[in-house]
Amino acid sequence: MSIERHGYIRCSIQGDGIGLDAAQASLDQGEPAALALRRIRERIAAVSGTLRLTSRPGTGTELLVTVPLRSSR
């Protein structure tokens, strides 16, 4: 995990596990991974932030969260 701070906070979380199909995980609404991703996205959006998920089956996964220090809402 790494954290940067420049008018925003950017947090990168990387795993070297089995990875996942990020597009499919977002579509499988009943699956625990999809529900967790949706909740994470909702919470980040509530503070005007963004979430980028990068992953493929058989590789690791990276979550990149960017949140402004001052909300525009």
Protein backbone atom coordinates (compact mmCIF):
# COMPACT_ATOMS: atom_id res chain seq x y z
CA MET A 1 0.00 0.00 0.00
CA SER A 2 1.23 3.49 -0.77
CA ILE A 3 -0.32 6.88 -0.02
CA GLU A 4 0.32 10.24 -1.72
CA ARG A 5 -0.99 13.64 -0.69
CA HIS A 6 -1.19 16.69 -3.05
CA GLY A 7 -4.56 18.41 -2.60
CA TYR A 8 -5.94 14.89 -2.71
CA ILE A 9 -5.13 11.58 -1.13
CA ARG A 10 -4.26 8.73 -3.45
CA CYS A 11 -4.01 5.25 -2.02
CA SER A 12 -2.81 2.29 -4.06
CA ILE A 13 -3.50 -1.18 -2.70
CA GLN A 14 -1.91 -4.08 -4.57
CA GLY A 15 -2.26 -7.79 -4.16
CA ASP A 16 -0.42 -10.59 -5.91
CA GLY A 17 -3.15 -13.19 -5.58
CA ILE A 18 -5.20 -14.89 -8.28
CA GLY A 19 -6.80 -11.67 -9.54
CA LEU A 20 -10.30 -11.39 -10.94
CA ASP A 21 -12.17 -10.38 -14.05
CA ALA A 22 -12.91 -6.79 -13.00
CA ALA A 23 -15.58 -6.24 -15.65
CA GLN A 24 -17.40 -9.45 -14.75
CA ALA A 25 -17.13 -8.79 -11.01
CA SER A 26 -18.87 -5.46 -11.53
CA LEU A 27 -21.70 -7.18 -13.42
CA ASP A 28 -22.32 -10.13 -11.07
CA GLN A 29 -24.61 -8.19 -8.75
CA GLY A 30 -25.34 -11.14 -6.46
CA GLU A 31 -21.72 -12.12 -5.94
CA PRO A 32 -19.95 -11.01 -2.74
CA ALA A 33 -17.06 -9.44 -4.69
CA ALA A 34 -19.47 -7.36 -6.78
CA LEU A 35 -21.40 -6.23 -3.70
CA ALA A 36 -18.17 -5.27 -1.94
CA LEU A 37 -16.93 -3.34 -4.98
CA ARG A 38 -20.25 -1.51 -5.28
CA ARG A 39 -20.16 -0.51 -1.61
CA ILE A 40 -16.56 0.65 -1.89
CA ARG A 41 -17.41 2.73 -4.98
CA GLU A 42 -20.46 4.26 -3.23
CA ARG A 43 -18.43 5.25 -0.18
CA ILE A 44 -15.65 6.77 -2.25
CA ALA A 45 -18.15 8.65 -4.45
CA ALA A 46 -19.81 10.05 -1.30
CA VAL A 47 -16.58 11.98 -0.61
CA SER A 48 -16.15 12.99 -4.31
CA GLY A 49 -13.47 10.37 -4.88
CA THR A 50 -12.75 7.82 -7.57
CA LEU A 51 -11.85 4.15 -7.61
CA ARG A 52 -9.87 2.43 -10.35
CA LEU A 53 -9.63 -1.35 -10.24
CA THR A 54 -7.04 -3.11 -12.39
CA SER A 55 -6.98 -6.91 -12.46
CA ARG A 56 -7.06 -9.99 -14.66
CA PRO A 57 -7.59 -13.62 -13.73
CA GLY A 58 -4.27 -15.22 -12.85
CA THR A 59 -2.59 -11.93 -11.94
CA GLY A 60 -2.74 -9.63 -8.96
CA THR A 61 -5.21 -6.83 -8.36
CA GLU A 62 -4.70 -3.11 -7.79
CA LEU A 63 -7.20 -0.70 -6.28
CA LEU A 64 -6.35 2.97 -6.78
CA VAL A 65 -8.45 5.30 -4.63
CA THR A 66 -8.25 9.07 -5.11
CA VAL A 67 -10.09 11.41 -2.74
CA PRO A 68 -9.84 15.21 -2.74
CA LEU A 69 -8.86 16.74 0.59
CA ARG A 70 -11.73 19.21 0.27
CA SER A 71 -15.01 17.82 -1.00
CA SER A 72 -16.78 19.68 -3.82
CA ARG A 73 -20.14 18.59 -2.42
